[in-house]
Amino acid sequence: MAEGELPKKAAALRYEAKKDEAPRVVASGQGVMAERIIEIAKESGVPIVEDPALASALLFVELGEEIPIELYEAVARVLAFLYRLDRDGKKSNG
């Protein structure tokens, strides 16, 4: 990391509509841990959305816990974006 550069932050969410009331944090970290989370996501074909402010906020949520109501709107924007990507990808392939 270059001098003055902030450590990378990352969080991974899981949402099962039939099981969860809200998305859950399944991984989070900064620095080397964030880089590993991103690497695993890429290897697994999991979409990655960059939102540094949201990633920072998600670091304060305990692993396995649902996101707090204060983050619903920000996470909903990410989920809507991913839904559109998935839908548009299916349209172009289908």
Protein backbone atom coordinates (compact mmCIF):
# COMPACT_ATOMS: atom_id res chain seq x y z
CA MET A 1 0.00 0.00 0.00
CA ALA A 2 1.36 3.41 -0.94
CA GLU A 3 1.99 6.02 1.73
CA GLY A 4 -1.18 7.96 2.49
CA GLU A 5 -3.35 5.34 0.80
CA LEU A 6 -6.24 4.06 2.86
CA PRO A 7 -6.51 0.30 3.38
CA LYS A 8 -8.92 -1.47 1.06
CA LYS A 9 -12.20 -2.50 2.70
CA ALA A 10 -14.63 -5.21 1.63
CA ALA A 11 -17.76 -6.95 2.82
CA ALA A 12 -19.76 -9.85 1.46
CA LEU A 13 -23.51 -10.13 1.93
CA ARG A 14 -25.93 -13.03 1.63
CA TYR A 15 -29.67 -12.66 1.29
CA GLU A 16 -32.09 -15.57 1.17
CA ALA A 17 -35.57 -14.09 0.79
CA LYS A 18 -37.36 -17.09 2.28
CA LYS A 19 -35.00 -17.31 5.26
CA ASP A 20 -33.68 -13.83 6.08
CA GLU A 21 -35.53 -10.65 6.94
CA ALA A 22 -32.56 -8.63 5.68
CA PRO A 23 -29.19 -9.32 4.05
CA ARG A 24 -26.52 -10.76 6.35
CA VAL A 25 -22.81 -9.96 6.49
CA VAL A 26 -20.95 -13.20 5.77
CA ALA A 27 -17.44 -11.72 5.45
CA SER A 28 -15.79 -8.38 6.07
CA GLY A 29 -12.34 -6.98 6.53
CA GLN A 30 -9.76 -4.48 5.48
CA GLY A 31 -6.27 -4.61 4.03
CA VAL A 32 -5.12 -8.16 3.28
CA MET A 33 -8.46 -9.61 4.44
CA ALA A 34 -10.38 -7.32 2.06
CA GLU A 35 -8.12 -8.34 -0.80
CA ARG A 36 -8.78 -12.02 -0.02
CA ILE A 37 -12.57 -11.46 0.11
CA ILE A 38 -12.42 -9.79 -3.31
CA GLU A 39 -10.20 -12.56 -4.70
CA ILE A 40 -12.60 -15.28 -3.51
CA ALA A 41 -15.57 -13.39 -4.95
CA LYS A 42 -13.86 -13.10 -8.34
CA GLU A 43 -12.89 -16.79 -8.33
CA SER A 44 -16.47 -17.73 -7.44
CA GLY A 45 -18.08 -15.51 -10.06
CA VAL A 46 -19.72 -13.34 -7.41
CA PRO A 47 -20.39 -9.80 -8.68
CA ILE A 48 -18.39 -7.04 -7.02
CA VAL A 49 -19.76 -3.54 -6.48
CA GLU A 50 -17.45 -0.78 -5.26
CA ASP A 51 -19.00 1.41 -2.58
CA PRO A 52 -16.31 2.47 -0.08
CA ALA A 53 -18.74 4.19 2.31
CA LEU A 54 -21.01 1.15 2.48
CA ALA A 55 -18.04 -1.22 2.89
CA SER A 56 -16.81 0.90 5.81
CA ALA A 57 -20.23 0.83 7.47
CA LEU A 58 -20.56 -2.94 6.99
CA LEU A 59 -17.29 -3.50 8.87
CA PHE A 60 -19.18 -2.63 12.06
CA VAL A 61 -21.79 -5.37 11.55
CA GLU A 62 -20.98 -8.67 13.27
CA LEU A 63 -20.46 -11.64 10.96
CA GLY A 64 -23.69 -13.56 10.45
CA GLU A 65 -25.82 -10.62 11.59
CA GLU A 66 -28.45 -8.92 9.48
CA ILE A 67 -27.59 -5.43 8.31
CA PRO A 68 -29.05 -2.63 10.45
CA ILE A 69 -32.05 -0.70 9.18
CA GLU A 70 -29.81 2.35 8.64
CA LEU A 71 -28.08 0.49 5.79
CA TYR A 72 -31.22 -0.85 4.08
CA GLU A 73 -31.36 1.91 1.47
CA ALA A 74 -27.68 1.68 0.51
CA VAL A 75 -27.80 -2.12 0.29
CA ALA A 76 -31.08 -1.99 -1.64
CA ARG A 77 -29.37 0.21 -4.26
CA VAL A 78 -26.60 -2.37 -4.63
CA LEU A 79 -29.05 -5.27 -4.86
CA ALA A 80 -31.15 -3.41 -7.45
CA PHE A 81 -28.03 -2.75 -9.51
CA LEU A 82 -27.06 -6.43 -9.36
CA TYR A 83 -30.60 -7.48 -10.27
CA ARG A 84 -30.50 -5.23 -13.34
CA LEU A 85 -27.11 -6.63 -14.37
CA ASP A 86 -28.42 -10.17 -14.05
CA ARG A 87 -31.64 -9.37 -15.92
CA ASP A 88 -29.84 -7.54 -18.71
CA GLY A 89 -27.32 -10.36 -19.01
CA LYS A 90 -30.10 -12.90 -19.39
CA LYS A 91 -31.81 -10.74 -22.05
CA SER A 92 -28.64 -10.51 -24.14
CA ASN A 93 -27.99 -14.25 -23.81
CA GLY A 94 -31.50 -15.33 -24.31
